[in-house]
Amino acid sequence: MQPSSSGSSNSAPAEAPHSWWRRRLVHPLLNLLKQGLTPHQLALTATVATAAGLIPVLGTTSLLTTAAALRLRLNVAAALLIAHLWSPVQLLLMIPLLTLGSRVWGSSGPALTLAKVEHLFTHNLLGAFHLLWHSILGALALWAGACCVLGPLLYFGLRPILTRVMRRQAAAPNEVAA
């Protein structure tokens, strides 16, 4: 006897596939919330990773993020994920920070464009550092100043939000079991 194909089937409807955004970003971040991290640790991880992700020197993000996360006993994987999510913004801020950095440091070099910087770094790496070291130092000084102001704002802004989210997540399993 064949099973009937009536609409009273006990199987659950097929769940729609999740978007790339949810699979690659939202779910990993939500899983981090379930690993027993405190709101303080998560807020500090996001703040440190954001600062390291926006450093105006290419190639230092991973090293700086890993060192800071290990030193502060934070989740290294979460810090690296957050830091590298800032990469497009880091690239957008690079030329303006280098230009302002050269003005702050008192260097009066030629106007910087992405094409000029790319040409310098691909053809003569040491020459590029020799020519741009004033700009790089000024950009690092501006970045450090911005981190000193914006870092605490981000940390103290995220901490209560994460506390509320984690309380809701802790309460959700209790409501389902009741």
Protein backbone atom coordinates (compact mmCIF):
# COMPACT_ATOMS: atom_id res chain seq x y z
CA MET A 1 0.00 0.00 0.00
CA GLN A 2 1.36 3.41 -0.96
CA PRO A 3 1.38 6.29 1.48
CA SER A 4 -1.17 8.92 0.78
CA SER A 5 -0.02 12.22 -0.58
CA SER A 6 -2.42 14.25 1.49
CA GLY A 7 -1.48 17.63 2.97
CA SER A 8 -1.27 16.25 6.52
CA SER A 9 2.35 15.19 6.27
CA ASN A 10 4.41 15.32 9.48
CA SER A 11 7.58 16.49 7.75
CA ALA A 12 8.62 20.10 8.29
CA PRO A 13 8.67 22.42 5.30
CA ALA A 14 12.06 22.82 3.67
CA GLU A 15 13.91 25.82 5.02
CA ALA A 16 14.95 28.41 2.44
CA PRO A 17 18.70 28.59 1.86
CA HIS A 18 20.44 31.31 3.78
CA SER A 19 22.10 34.19 2.01
CA TRP A 20 25.86 34.49 1.71
CA TRP A 21 25.75 37.33 4.28
CA ARG A 22 24.07 35.11 6.87
CA ARG A 23 26.26 32.04 6.20
CA ARG A 24 29.59 33.87 6.15
CA LEU A 25 29.10 36.68 8.67
CA VAL A 26 25.99 36.51 10.84
CA HIS A 27 26.13 32.82 11.79
CA PRO A 28 29.87 32.82 12.67
CA LEU A 29 29.38 35.91 14.84
CA LEU A 30 26.35 34.39 16.55
CA ASN A 31 28.33 31.22 17.19
CA LEU A 32 30.97 33.33 18.92
CA LEU A 33 28.25 34.60 21.26
CA LYS A 34 27.52 31.00 22.22
CA GLN A 35 31.13 30.22 23.18
CA GLY A 36 30.87 31.66 26.68
CA LEU A 37 32.52 35.00 25.99
CA THR A 38 31.45 37.87 28.20
CA PRO A 39 30.07 41.13 26.80
CA HIS A 40 33.28 42.80 27.99
CA GLN A 41 35.42 40.36 25.99
CA LEU A 42 33.30 40.67 22.86
CA ALA A 43 33.24 44.48 23.00
CA LEU A 44 36.99 44.60 23.60
CA THR A 45 37.58 42.14 20.76
CA ALA A 46 35.51 44.27 18.37
CA THR A 47 37.26 47.46 19.47
CA VAL A 48 40.80 46.10 19.24
CA ALA A 49 40.08 44.38 15.92
CA THR A 50 38.53 47.53 14.46
CA ALA A 51 41.53 49.60 15.46
CA ALA A 52 43.96 47.03 14.06
CA GLY A 53 41.89 46.60 10.91
CA LEU A 54 42.11 50.30 10.11
CA ILE A 55 45.87 50.80 10.61
CA PRO A 56 47.18 52.81 7.66
CA VAL A 57 50.08 50.43 6.92
CA LEU A 58 49.28 47.50 4.66
CA GLY A 59 50.43 44.08 5.79
CA THR A 60 50.35 44.78 9.51
CA THR A 61 46.69 44.03 10.25
CA SER A 62 47.04 40.29 10.93
CA LEU A 63 50.19 40.64 12.98
CA LEU A 64 48.86 43.51 15.09
CA THR A 65 45.45 41.87 15.59
CA THR A 66 46.93 38.51 16.60
CA ALA A 67 49.45 40.07 18.99
CA ALA A 68 46.83 42.26 20.66
CA ALA A 69 44.29 39.43 20.94
CA LEU A 70 46.84 37.06 22.45
CA ARG A 71 48.14 39.68 24.88
CA LEU A 72 44.62 40.60 26.04
CA ARG A 73 43.46 36.94 26.04
CA LEU A 74 40.73 37.59 23.49
CA ASN A 75 39.32 35.29 20.83
CA VAL A 76 41.96 35.48 18.06
CA ALA A 77 39.68 34.09 15.34
CA ALA A 78 36.93 36.61 16.10
CA ALA A 79 39.44 39.46 16.21
CA LEU A 80 40.94 38.47 12.85
CA LEU A 81 37.50 38.12 11.28
CA ILE A 82 36.44 41.58 12.44
CA ALA A 83 39.79 43.17 11.51
CA HIS A 84 39.70 41.81 7.99
CA LEU A 85 36.09 42.88 7.49
CA TRP A 86 37.47 46.44 7.78
CA SER A 87 39.90 45.93 4.85
CA PRO A 88 37.84 47.87 2.27
CA VAL A 89 37.56 50.83 4.64
CA GLN A 90 41.29 50.58 5.41
CA LEU A 91 42.05 50.86 1.71
CA LEU A 92 39.69 53.83 1.32
CA LEU A 93 41.34 55.67 4.23
CA MET A 94 44.93 54.91 3.24
CA ILE A 95 45.61 57.77 0.78
CA PRO A 96 43.79 60.48 2.78
CA LEU A 97 45.63 59.45 5.96
CA LEU A 98 49.00 59.40 4.19
CA THR A 99 48.29 62.84 2.68
CA LEU A 100 47.23 64.30 6.02
CA GLY A 101 50.12 62.51 7.70
CA SER A 102 52.64 64.20 5.44
CA ARG A 103 51.10 67.59 6.26
CA VAL A 104 51.12 66.87 10.00
CA TRP A 105 54.74 65.70 9.90
CA GLY A 106 55.78 68.71 7.82
CA SER A 107 56.74 66.92 4.63
CA SER A 108 55.97 68.70 1.40
CA GLY A 109 56.17 65.83 -1.06
CA PRO A 110 54.17 65.37 -4.23
CA ALA A 111 50.43 64.76 -4.05
CA LEU A 112 49.70 61.10 -3.44
CA THR A 113 47.36 59.05 -5.58
CA LEU A 114 46.68 55.35 -5.53
CA ALA A 115 48.47 54.92 -8.85
CA LYS A 116 51.60 56.69 -7.56
CA VAL A 117 51.71 54.69 -4.34
CA GLU A 118 51.13 51.42 -6.22
CA HIS A 119 53.92 52.27 -8.68
CA LEU A 120 56.30 53.14 -5.85
CA PHE A 121 55.67 49.94 -3.93
CA THR A 122 55.80 47.63 -6.96
CA HIS A 123 58.98 49.07 -8.49
CA ASN A 124 61.10 50.12 -5.52
CA LEU A 125 59.91 49.04 -2.08
CA LEU A 126 62.81 50.55 -0.11
CA GLY A 127 62.63 53.74 -2.15
CA ALA A 128 58.90 53.97 -1.41
CA PHE A 129 59.52 53.72 2.34
CA HIS A 130 62.33 56.25 2.09
CA LEU A 131 60.10 58.68 0.20
CA LEU A 132 56.94 58.08 2.26
CA TRP A 133 58.26 57.57 5.78
CA HIS A 134 57.12 61.03 6.90
CA SER A 135 53.67 60.34 5.50
CA ILE A 136 53.52 56.92 7.15
CA LEU A 137 54.59 58.29 10.55
CA GLY A 138 52.03 61.10 10.32
CA ALA A 139 49.31 58.65 9.25
CA LEU A 140 50.16 56.39 12.20
CA ALA A 141 50.00 59.37 14.56
CA LEU A 142 46.56 60.34 13.20
CA TRP A 143 45.40 56.71 13.42
CA ALA A 144 46.60 56.43 17.03
CA GLY A 145 44.86 59.66 17.98
CA ALA A 146 41.62 58.54 16.35
CA CYS A 147 41.86 55.16 18.13
CA CYS A 148 42.32 56.87 21.49
CA VAL A 149 39.10 58.83 20.95
CA LEU A 150 36.92 56.40 19.00
CA GLY A 151 38.06 53.17 20.71
CA PRO A 152 36.47 53.91 24.09
CA LEU A 153 33.32 55.19 22.34
CA LEU A 154 33.01 51.94 20.40
CA TYR A 155 33.75 49.79 23.46
CA PHE A 156 31.29 51.56 25.77
CA GLY A 157 28.69 51.67 22.99
CA LEU A 158 28.95 47.95 22.20
CA ARG A 159 29.11 46.62 25.74
CA PRO A 160 25.47 47.35 26.76
CA ILE A 161 24.19 46.19 23.35
CA LEU A 162 26.06 42.90 23.63
CA THR A 163 24.87 42.46 27.23
CA ARG A 164 21.24 42.78 26.07
CA VAL A 165 21.75 40.43 23.11
CA MET A 166 23.42 37.79 25.28
CA ARG A 167 20.67 38.00 27.92
CA ARG A 168 18.06 37.50 25.20
CA GLN A 169 19.93 34.50 23.82
CA ALA A 170 20.27 33.01 27.31
CA ALA A 171 16.54 33.51 27.93
CA ALA A 172 15.45 32.04 24.58
CA PRO A 173 16.34 28.38 25.38
CA ASN A 174 14.63 28.70 28.79
CA GLU A 175 11.40 29.91 27.13
CA VAL A 176 11.43 27.02 24.65
CA ALA A 177 11.95 24.45 27.43
CA ALA A 178 9.11 25.87 29.56
